Amino acid sequence: MMAARRFDYLIGPANFAKRRQQSKEAAVTSHRGSVLPYLEFVRGERHFESRLLGPAVRWMYARVLPGVPSSWIRYLATLWTSGDDDRKARAADRCLEVYMVLTTVILGVGVMTQVHPDGMQFTPGRPSGATVWLVAVIVVGFLRLVEILSQAVEVILERIFVGAMSALTTLAFYVLQSVAIFTICAEFVGPNGFISSDNTKPKCWTDFLYMTWINMTTLGSSYTASSALGRLVVAASTSTAILLFSVLLGYVVGKLGKKQEAK
C-alpha cells in the first residue's frame, strides 16, 4: 500500500502539473539562451563598408578619370606653369574655369542649332560642315556628362576639396550643362518622341529646352515621352538631376553650414 501511495504521489495531478510547469520554464530558458546572442548582435552598433560595389565604383572611376579632358587640362596647366605649388594650382583652376565656360557656350549653341524634324539628323544631303558640328556637339556633350558624373563620384569619395562659393558656382554650371546635354538628346529623338497634354509636339529649341528643364528640376512636365528613346532621355535626365542635387547640392549645403559654424 505504501508503494502504491508513493506511486500515486509521483503521478498525481498536482505533481504532474508541477513537473509540466518546470519543463515549460526549462524550455523557455533554453530558448532564451539561444535567442539572446542574436538579439544582442542585432541591437548592437554596426559599421558597414562596401566590399563589392564601392571598390567597383573606385575601379571604374580610376579608369575613367585619366581619359577626360579636365584631367589633362589640370595636368598640363601645372606642367607648363613655373613657380610653387600654389601658383600651379591657381593656373590649373583658371584653365578649368575657361574650359567650363567654353564647353557651356558650345552646348548652348548646340541646343539652338540641332533641332530637326527628323530627329536623328545624319540625313542624306546634309552639309559636311553641319555634320562636323553635330559630331563635335555629341563629343562635347558626352565628355561633359562623364566629367559631371565623375565629379559627383569625387565628392562621394572625398577626393576633391572645394570652397562653398566655388562649389555653388560649379553646381550652377553643371546644372546648365546637364540641361543643355539632355536638351540636345531630346532634339536628337525628335518632335515625334514627345507629346504634350493637348496633343502638340515640341517644334523649336525653346520647347525642348523647356521640357528638359522642367523634367530635371520638377520631375515632370506638360510633355510626355511617346517613344522608347524619348523615355530613355527622360529617365536619364531625371536620374542625373537627382544625383546632382542630392550629392553636389548636399556638399554645398554642408560647406555653408561648416562656414556658419566657424563664424
C-alpha atoms as a PDB file:
ATOM      1  CA  MET A   1       0.000   0.000   0.000  1.00  0.00           C
ATOM      2  CA  MET A   2       2.880   2.379   0.743  1.00  0.00           C
ATOM      3  CA  ALA A   3       4.376   1.645  -2.661  1.00  0.00           C
ATOM      4  CA  ALA A   4       1.052   2.308  -4.299  1.00  0.00           C
ATOM      5  CA  ARG A   5       0.619   5.570  -2.425  1.00  0.00           C
ATOM      6  CA  ARG A   6       4.202   6.569  -3.338  1.00  0.00           C
ATOM      7  CA  PHE A   7       3.393   5.860  -6.977  1.00  0.00           C
ATOM      8  CA  ASP A   8       0.181   7.875  -6.703  1.00  0.00           C
ATOM      9  CA  TYR A   9       2.189  10.759  -5.298  1.00  0.00           C
ATOM     10  CA  LEU A  10       4.632  10.719  -8.192  1.00  0.00           C
ATOM     11  CA  ILE A  11       1.968  10.649 -10.876  1.00  0.00           C
ATOM     12  CA  GLY A  12      -0.746  12.519  -9.047  1.00  0.00           C
ATOM     13  CA  PRO A  13      -2.423  15.558 -10.711  1.00  0.00           C
ATOM     14  CA  ALA A  14      -0.729  18.164  -8.536  1.00  0.00           C
ATOM     15  CA  ASN A  15       2.764  16.768  -9.025  1.00  0.00           C
ATOM     16  CA  PHE A  16       2.178  16.258 -12.744  1.00  0.00           C
ATOM     17  CA  ALA A  17       1.182  19.908 -13.187  1.00  0.00           C
ATOM     18  CA  LYS A  18       4.261  20.995 -11.232  1.00  0.00           C
ATOM     19  CA  ARG A  19       6.592  18.918 -13.400  1.00  0.00           C
ATOM     20  CA  ARG A  20       4.890  20.217 -16.543  1.00  0.00           C
ATOM     21  CA  GLN A  21       5.433  23.845 -15.438  1.00  0.00           C
ATOM     22  CA  GLN A  22       9.087  23.070 -14.676  1.00  0.00           C
ATOM     23  CA  SER A  23       9.568  21.601 -18.138  1.00  0.00           C
ATOM     24  CA  LYS A  24       7.999  24.711 -19.717  1.00  0.00           C
ATOM     25  CA  GLU A  25      10.303  27.005 -17.762  1.00  0.00           C
ATOM     26  CA  ALA A  26      13.294  24.901 -18.760  1.00  0.00           C
ATOM     27  CA  ALA A  27      12.262  25.125 -22.418  1.00  0.00           C
ATOM     28  CA  VAL A  28      11.793  28.896 -22.203  1.00  0.00           C
ATOM     29  CA  THR A  29      15.168  29.295 -20.516  1.00  0.00           C
ATOM     30  CA  SER A  30      16.811  27.177 -23.204  1.00  0.00           C
ATOM     31  CA  HIS A  31      15.056  29.174 -25.926  1.00  0.00           C
ATOM     32  CA  ARG A  32      16.100  32.467 -24.376  1.00  0.00           C
ATOM     33  CA  GLY A  33      19.634  31.225 -24.154  1.00  0.00           C
ATOM     34  CA  SER A  34      19.701  30.641 -27.917  1.00  0.00           C
ATOM     35  CA  VAL A  35      17.979  33.926 -28.854  1.00  0.00           C
ATOM     36  CA  LEU A  36      19.801  36.350 -26.575  1.00  0.00           C
ATOM     37  CA  PRO A  37      23.103  36.339 -28.502  1.00  0.00           C
ATOM     38  CA  TYR A  38      21.196  37.111 -31.690  1.00  0.00           C
ATOM     39  CA  LEU A  39      19.252  39.947 -30.055  1.00  0.00           C
ATOM     40  CA  GLU A  40      22.444  41.406 -28.612  1.00  0.00           C
ATOM     41  CA  PHE A  41      24.053  41.206 -32.061  1.00  0.00           C
ATOM     42  CA  VAL A  42      21.139  42.920 -33.808  1.00  0.00           C
ATOM     43  CA  ARG A  43      20.731  45.676 -31.224  1.00  0.00           C
ATOM     44  CA  GLY A  44      24.419  46.487 -31.068  1.00  0.00           C
ATOM     45  CA  GLU A  45      26.206  49.132 -33.103  1.00  0.00           C
ATOM     46  CA  ARG A  46      27.323  48.157 -36.559  1.00  0.00           C
ATOM     47  CA  HIS A  47      29.655  49.630 -39.133  1.00  0.00           C
ATOM     48  CA  PHE A  48      29.146  48.962 -42.824  1.00  0.00           C
ATOM     49  CA  GLU A  49      31.761  49.353 -45.517  1.00  0.00           C
ATOM     50  CA  SER A  50      31.090  48.222 -49.070  1.00  0.00           C
ATOM     51  CA  ARG A  51      33.327  45.351 -50.118  1.00  0.00           C
ATOM     52  CA  LEU A  52      31.917  44.882 -53.626  1.00  0.00           C
ATOM     53  CA  LEU A  53      30.090  47.895 -55.077  1.00  0.00           C
ATOM     54  CA  GLY A  54      32.334  50.534 -53.504  1.00  0.00           C
ATOM     55  CA  PRO A  55      35.571  49.039 -54.878  1.00  0.00           C
ATOM     56  CA  ALA A  56      33.848  48.595 -58.255  1.00  0.00           C
ATOM     57  CA  VAL A  57      32.971  52.315 -58.353  1.00  0.00           C
ATOM     58  CA  ARG A  58      36.519  53.219 -57.343  1.00  0.00           C
ATOM     59  CA  TRP A  59      37.944  50.929 -60.040  1.00  0.00           C
ATOM     60  CA  MET A  60      35.697  52.430 -62.728  1.00  0.00           C
ATOM     61  CA  TYR A  61      36.453  55.950 -61.535  1.00  0.00           C
ATOM     62  CA  ALA A  62      40.201  55.301 -61.661  1.00  0.00           C
ATOM     63  CA  ARG A  63      39.870  54.077 -65.263  1.00  0.00           C
ATOM     64  CA  VAL A  64      37.668  56.948 -66.462  1.00  0.00           C
ATOM     65  CA  LEU A  65      39.405  59.896 -64.765  1.00  0.00           C
ATOM     66  CA  PRO A  66      42.698  59.825 -66.758  1.00  0.00           C
ATOM     67  CA  GLY A  67      40.805  59.988 -70.068  1.00  0.00           C
ATOM     68  CA  VAL A  68      38.629  63.059 -69.506  1.00  0.00           C
ATOM     69  CA  PRO A  69      39.814  66.442 -70.840  1.00  0.00           C
ATOM     70  CA  SER A  70      39.670  68.204 -67.472  1.00  0.00           C
ATOM     71  CA  SER A  71      42.348  65.874 -66.084  1.00  0.00           C
ATOM     72  CA  TRP A  72      44.654  66.662 -68.994  1.00  0.00           C
ATOM     73  CA  ILE A  73      43.963  70.402 -68.692  1.00  0.00           C
ATOM     74  CA  ARG A  74      44.766  70.346 -64.997  1.00  0.00           C
ATOM     75  CA  TYR A  75      47.930  68.306 -65.555  1.00  0.00           C
ATOM     76  CA  LEU A  76      49.242  70.409 -68.473  1.00  0.00           C
ATOM     77  CA  ALA A  77      48.483  73.665 -66.639  1.00  0.00           C
ATOM     78  CA  THR A  78      50.613  72.583 -63.684  1.00  0.00           C
ATOM     79  CA  LEU A  79      53.302  71.234 -66.006  1.00  0.00           C
ATOM     80  CA  TRP A  80      53.646  74.445 -68.039  1.00  0.00           C
ATOM     81  CA  THR A  81      53.423  76.823 -65.065  1.00  0.00           C
ATOM     82  CA  SER A  82      56.599  77.650 -63.229  1.00  0.00           C
ATOM     83  CA  GLY A  83      56.700  78.500 -59.577  1.00  0.00           C
ATOM     84  CA  ASP A  84      55.489  76.932 -56.367  1.00  0.00           C
ATOM     85  CA  ASP A  85      52.566  74.515 -55.949  1.00  0.00           C
ATOM     86  CA  ASP A  86      50.144  77.296 -55.026  1.00  0.00           C
ATOM     87  CA  ARG A  87      50.807  79.152 -58.271  1.00  0.00           C
ATOM     88  CA  LYS A  88      50.428  75.958 -60.280  1.00  0.00           C
ATOM     89  CA  ALA A  89      47.124  75.206 -58.538  1.00  0.00           C
ATOM     90  CA  ARG A  90      45.791  78.689 -59.369  1.00  0.00           C
ATOM     91  CA  ALA A  91      46.785  78.261 -63.010  1.00  0.00           C
ATOM     92  CA  ALA A  92      45.026  74.894 -63.171  1.00  0.00           C
ATOM     93  CA  ASP A  93      41.890  76.400 -61.620  1.00  0.00           C
ATOM     94  CA  ARG A  94      41.803  79.225 -64.156  1.00  0.00           C
ATOM     95  CA  CYS A  95      42.230  76.834 -67.081  1.00  0.00           C
ATOM     96  CA  LEU A  96      39.455  74.597 -65.779  1.00  0.00           C
ATOM     97  CA  GLU A  97      37.107  77.562 -65.430  1.00  0.00           C
ATOM     98  CA  VAL A  98      37.839  78.695 -69.002  1.00  0.00           C
ATOM     99  CA  TYR A  99      37.215  75.145 -70.187  1.00  0.00           C
ATOM    100  CA  MET A 100      33.915  75.009 -68.316  1.00  0.00           C
ATOM    101  CA  VAL A 101      32.712  78.329 -69.759  1.00  0.00           C
ATOM    102  CA  LEU A 102      33.798  77.338 -73.271  1.00  0.00           C
ATOM    103  CA  THR A 103      32.011  73.984 -73.171  1.00  0.00           C
ATOM    104  CA  THR A 104      28.893  75.693 -71.784  1.00  0.00           C
ATOM    105  CA  VAL A 105      28.885  78.047 -74.776  1.00  0.00           C
ATOM    106  CA  ILE A 106      29.361  75.131 -77.204  1.00  0.00           C
ATOM    107  CA  LEU A 107      26.485  73.209 -75.645  1.00  0.00           C
ATOM    108  CA  GLY A 108      24.271  76.301 -75.647  1.00  0.00           C
ATOM    109  CA  VAL A 109      24.886  76.913 -79.345  1.00  0.00           C
ATOM    110  CA  GLY A 110      24.345  73.206 -79.939  1.00  0.00           C
ATOM    111  CA  VAL A 111      20.911  73.427 -78.318  1.00  0.00           C
ATOM    112  CA  MET A 112      19.921  76.259 -80.660  1.00  0.00           C
ATOM    113  CA  THR A 113      21.222  74.585 -83.850  1.00  0.00           C
ATOM    114  CA  GLN A 114      20.304  70.907 -83.555  1.00  0.00           C
ATOM    115  CA  VAL A 115      16.504  70.978 -83.942  1.00  0.00           C
ATOM    116  CA  HIS A 116      15.428  68.917 -86.960  1.00  0.00           C
ATOM    117  CA  PRO A 117      12.023  67.489 -87.942  1.00  0.00           C
ATOM    118  CA  ASP A 118      13.542  64.036 -88.412  1.00  0.00           C
ATOM    119  CA  GLY A 119      15.209  63.937 -85.023  1.00  0.00           C
ATOM    120  CA  MET A 120      18.414  61.970 -85.582  1.00  0.00           C
ATOM    121  CA  GLN A 121      19.987  64.253 -88.113  1.00  0.00           C
ATOM    122  CA  PHE A 122      22.504  62.191 -90.065  1.00  0.00           C
ATOM    123  CA  THR A 123      20.315  62.555 -93.145  1.00  0.00           C
ATOM    124  CA  PRO A 124      21.395  62.377 -96.815  1.00  0.00           C
ATOM    125  CA  GLY A 125      22.290  65.722 -98.323  1.00  0.00           C
ATOM    126  CA  ARG A 126      23.284  67.270 -95.010  1.00  0.00           C
ATOM    127  CA  PRO A 127      26.165  69.775 -95.458  1.00  0.00           C
ATOM    128  CA  SER A 128      29.525  68.413 -94.335  1.00  0.00           C
ATOM    129  CA  GLY A 129      30.133  71.404 -92.064  1.00  0.00           C
ATOM    130  CA  ALA A 130      26.827  70.815 -90.282  1.00  0.00           C
ATOM    131  CA  THR A 131      27.745  67.148 -89.828  1.00  0.00           C
ATOM    132  CA  VAL A 132      31.120  68.064 -88.332  1.00  0.00           C
ATOM    133  CA  TRP A 133      29.401  70.498 -85.955  1.00  0.00           C
ATOM    134  CA  LEU A 134      26.886  67.819 -84.985  1.00  0.00           C
ATOM    135  CA  VAL A 135      29.677  65.331 -84.206  1.00  0.00           C
ATOM    136  CA  ALA A 136      31.527  67.990 -82.183  1.00  0.00           C
ATOM    137  CA  VAL A 137      28.396  68.711 -80.130  1.00  0.00           C
ATOM    138  CA  ILE A 138      27.877  64.994 -79.480  1.00  0.00           C
ATOM    139  CA  VAL A 139      31.500  64.515 -78.377  1.00  0.00           C
ATOM    140  CA  VAL A 140      31.499  67.586 -76.109  1.00  0.00           C
ATOM    141  CA  GLY A 141      28.157  66.618 -74.596  1.00  0.00           C
ATOM    142  CA  PHE A 142      29.267  63.052 -73.890  1.00  0.00           C
ATOM    143  CA  LEU A 143      32.598  64.096 -72.366  1.00  0.00           C
ATOM    144  CA  ARG A 144      30.996  66.757 -70.188  1.00  0.00           C
ATOM    145  CA  LEU A 145      28.360  64.337 -68.922  1.00  0.00           C
ATOM    146  CA  VAL A 146      31.091  61.855 -67.978  1.00  0.00           C
ATOM    147  CA  GLU A 147      33.041  64.618 -66.242  1.00  0.00           C
ATOM    148  CA  ILE A 148      29.988  65.856 -64.334  1.00  0.00           C
ATOM    149  CA  LEU A 149      29.214  62.352 -63.083  1.00  0.00           C
ATOM    150  CA  SER A 150      32.870  61.747 -62.208  1.00  0.00           C
ATOM    151  CA  GLN A 151      32.889  64.974 -60.193  1.00  0.00           C
ATOM    152  CA  ALA A 152      29.928  63.656 -58.211  1.00  0.00           C
ATOM    153  CA  VAL A 153      31.866  60.439 -57.565  1.00  0.00           C
ATOM    154  CA  GLU A 154      34.864  62.512 -56.459  1.00  0.00           C
ATOM    155  CA  VAL A 155      32.682  64.281 -53.911  1.00  0.00           C
ATOM    156  CA  ILE A 156      31.359  60.951 -52.638  1.00  0.00           C
ATOM    157  CA  LEU A 157      34.891  59.516 -52.373  1.00  0.00           C
ATOM    158  CA  GLU A 158      36.091  62.730 -50.662  1.00  0.00           C
ATOM    159  CA  ARG A 159      38.827  63.225 -53.255  1.00  0.00           C
ATOM    160  CA  ILE A 160      38.024  66.861 -54.003  1.00  0.00           C
ATOM    161  CA  PHE A 161      38.018  69.871 -51.689  1.00  0.00           C
ATOM    162  CA  VAL A 162      36.124  72.956 -52.873  1.00  0.00           C
ATOM    163  CA  GLY A 163      35.092  76.149 -51.119  1.00  0.00           C
ATOM    164  CA  ALA A 164      31.408  76.897 -50.640  1.00  0.00           C
ATOM    165  CA  MET A 165      31.229  79.714 -53.227  1.00  0.00           C
ATOM    166  CA  SER A 166      33.259  77.756 -55.791  1.00  0.00           C
ATOM    167  CA  ALA A 167      31.083  74.680 -55.240  1.00  0.00           C
ATOM    168  CA  LEU A 168      27.888  76.707 -55.682  1.00  0.00           C
ATOM    169  CA  THR A 169      29.164  78.289 -58.920  1.00  0.00           C
ATOM    170  CA  THR A 170      30.293  74.907 -60.237  1.00  0.00           C
ATOM    171  CA  LEU A 171      26.928  73.369 -59.393  1.00  0.00           C
ATOM    172  CA  ALA A 172      25.136  76.140 -61.336  1.00  0.00           C
ATOM    173  CA  PHE A 173      27.301  75.463 -64.406  1.00  0.00           C
ATOM    174  CA  TYR A 174      26.793  71.710 -64.059  1.00  0.00           C
ATOM    175  CA  VAL A 175      23.022  72.161 -63.972  1.00  0.00           C
ATOM    176  CA  LEU A 176      23.102  74.386 -67.056  1.00  0.00           C
ATOM    177  CA  GLN A 177      25.335  71.947 -68.919  1.00  0.00           C
ATOM    178  CA  SER A 178      23.263  68.934 -67.930  1.00  0.00           C
ATOM    179  CA  VAL A 179      20.088  70.648 -69.124  1.00  0.00           C
ATOM    180  CA  ALA A 180      21.798  71.548 -72.423  1.00  0.00           C
ATOM    181  CA  ILE A 181      23.108  67.987 -72.900  1.00  0.00           C
ATOM    182  CA  PHE A 182      19.731  66.351 -72.403  1.00  0.00           C
ATOM    183  CA  THR A 183      18.006  69.037 -74.468  1.00  0.00           C
ATOM    184  CA  ILE A 184      20.296  68.060 -77.341  1.00  0.00           C
ATOM    185  CA  CYS A 185      19.490  64.391 -76.689  1.00  0.00           C
ATOM    186  CA  ALA A 186      15.764  65.208 -76.825  1.00  0.00           C
ATOM    187  CA  GLU A 187      16.324  67.092 -80.087  1.00  0.00           C
ATOM    188  CA  PHE A 188      18.056  64.032 -81.496  1.00  0.00           C
ATOM    189  CA  VAL A 189      14.996  61.953 -80.603  1.00  0.00           C
ATOM    190  CA  GLY A 190      12.910  64.500 -82.484  1.00  0.00           C
ATOM    191  CA  PRO A 191       9.430  66.003 -82.124  1.00  0.00           C
ATOM    192  CA  ASN A 192       7.775  62.626 -82.700  1.00  0.00           C
ATOM    193  CA  GLY A 193       9.285  61.308 -79.476  1.00  0.00           C
ATOM    194  CA  PHE A 194       7.293  63.629 -77.216  1.00  0.00           C
ATOM    195  CA  ILE A 195       3.730  64.852 -76.965  1.00  0.00           C
ATOM    196  CA  SER A 196       2.004  67.320 -74.674  1.00  0.00           C
ATOM    197  CA  SER A 197      -1.303  67.048 -72.845  1.00  0.00           C
ATOM    198  CA  ASP A 198      -3.065  68.949 -75.650  1.00  0.00           C
ATOM    199  CA  ASN A 199      -1.573  66.635 -78.336  1.00  0.00           C
ATOM    200  CA  THR A 200       1.050  69.111 -79.557  1.00  0.00           C
ATOM    201  CA  LYS A 201       4.709  68.274 -80.186  1.00  0.00           C
ATOM    202  CA  PRO A 202       7.798  70.338 -79.436  1.00  0.00           C
ATOM    203  CA  LYS A 203       8.827  72.293 -82.515  1.00  0.00           C
ATOM    204  CA  CYS A 204      11.638  74.727 -81.724  1.00  0.00           C
ATOM    205  CA  TRP A 205      14.650  74.534 -79.444  1.00  0.00           C
ATOM    206  CA  THR A 206      12.883  76.538 -76.734  1.00  0.00           C
ATOM    207  CA  ASP A 207      10.210  73.809 -76.486  1.00  0.00           C
ATOM    208  CA  PHE A 208      12.868  71.146 -75.989  1.00  0.00           C
ATOM    209  CA  LEU A 209      14.772  73.312 -73.518  1.00  0.00           C
ATOM    210  CA  TYR A 210      11.634  73.998 -71.501  1.00  0.00           C
ATOM    211  CA  MET A 211      10.706  70.312 -71.478  1.00  0.00           C
ATOM    212  CA  THR A 212      14.160  69.215 -70.278  1.00  0.00           C
ATOM    213  CA  TRP A 213      14.428  71.966 -67.681  1.00  0.00           C
ATOM    214  CA  ILE A 214      11.067  71.076 -66.163  1.00  0.00           C
ATOM    215  CA  ASN A 215      11.892  67.349 -66.206  1.00  0.00           C
ATOM    216  CA  MET A 216      15.175  67.914 -64.374  1.00  0.00           C
ATOM    217  CA  THR A 217      14.006  70.471 -61.828  1.00  0.00           C
ATOM    218  CA  THR A 218      10.425  69.419 -61.031  1.00  0.00           C
ATOM    219  CA  LEU A 219      10.394  65.740 -62.104  1.00  0.00           C
ATOM    220  CA  GLY A 220       7.593  66.261 -64.620  1.00  0.00           C
ATOM    221  CA  SER A 221       6.411  68.496 -67.448  1.00  0.00           C
ATOM    222  CA  SER A 222       3.495  69.066 -69.800  1.00  0.00           C
ATOM    223  CA  TYR A 223       5.296  66.897 -72.368  1.00  0.00           C
ATOM    224  CA  THR A 224       5.412  63.122 -72.003  1.00  0.00           C
ATOM    225  CA  ALA A 225       7.667  60.717 -73.880  1.00  0.00           C
ATOM    226  CA  SER A 226       5.836  58.821 -76.615  1.00  0.00           C
ATOM    227  CA  SER A 227       8.733  56.648 -77.818  1.00  0.00           C
ATOM    228  CA  ALA A 228      11.317  54.339 -76.278  1.00  0.00           C
ATOM    229  CA  LEU A 229      14.183  56.759 -76.945  1.00  0.00           C
ATOM    230  CA  GLY A 230      12.165  59.620 -75.504  1.00  0.00           C
ATOM    231  CA  ARG A 231      11.504  57.688 -72.308  1.00  0.00           C
ATOM    232  CA  LEU A 232      15.204  56.830 -72.089  1.00  0.00           C
ATOM    233  CA  VAL A 233      16.174  60.503 -72.352  1.00  0.00           C
ATOM    234  CA  VAL A 234      13.646  61.499 -69.683  1.00  0.00           C
ATOM    235  CA  ALA A 235      14.817  58.740 -67.319  1.00  0.00           C
ATOM    236  CA  ALA A 236      18.497  59.622 -67.821  1.00  0.00           C
ATOM    237  CA  SER A 237      17.911  63.354 -67.325  1.00  0.00           C
ATOM    238  CA  THR A 238      15.865  62.798 -64.169  1.00  0.00           C
ATOM    239  CA  SER A 239      18.477  60.424 -62.714  1.00  0.00           C
ATOM    240  CA  THR A 240      21.265  62.900 -63.429  1.00  0.00           C
ATOM    241  CA  ALA A 241      19.293  65.694 -61.785  1.00  0.00           C
ATOM    242  CA  ILE A 242      18.716  63.599 -58.668  1.00  0.00           C
ATOM    243  CA  LEU A 243      22.434  62.810 -58.481  1.00  0.00           C
ATOM    244  CA  LEU A 244      23.420  66.442 -58.956  1.00  0.00           C
ATOM    245  CA  PHE A 245      21.010  67.848 -56.410  1.00  0.00           C
ATOM    246  CA  SER A 246      21.450  65.101 -53.823  1.00  0.00           C
ATOM    247  CA  VAL A 247      25.253  64.832 -53.902  1.00  0.00           C
ATOM    248  CA  LEU A 248      26.627  68.175 -55.079  1.00  0.00           C
ATOM    249  CA  LEU A 249      23.930  70.364 -53.545  1.00  0.00           C
ATOM    250  CA  GLY A 250      24.274  68.425 -50.303  1.00  0.00           C
ATOM    251  CA  TYR A 251      28.016  69.082 -50.445  1.00  0.00           C
ATOM    252  CA  VAL A 252      27.429  72.817 -50.939  1.00  0.00           C
ATOM    253  CA  VAL A 253      24.939  72.975 -48.071  1.00  0.00           C
ATOM    254  CA  GLY A 254      27.387  71.121 -45.838  1.00  0.00           C
ATOM    255  CA  LYS A 255      30.148  73.554 -46.729  1.00  0.00           C
ATOM    256  CA  LEU A 256      27.940  76.543 -45.998  1.00  0.00           C
ATOM    257  CA  GLY A 257      26.902  75.005 -42.682  1.00  0.00           C
ATOM    258  CA  LYS A 258      30.519  74.489 -41.613  1.00  0.00           C
ATOM    259  CA  LYS A 259      31.334  78.064 -42.620  1.00  0.00           C
ATOM    260  CA  GLN A 260      28.440  79.325 -40.499  1.00  0.00           C
ATOM    261  CA  GLU A 261      29.596  77.282 -37.501  1.00  0.00           C
ATOM    262  CA  ALA A 262      33.119  78.634 -37.869  1.00  0.00           C
ATOM    263  CA  LYS A 263      31.802  82.176 -37.523  1.00  0.00           C
END
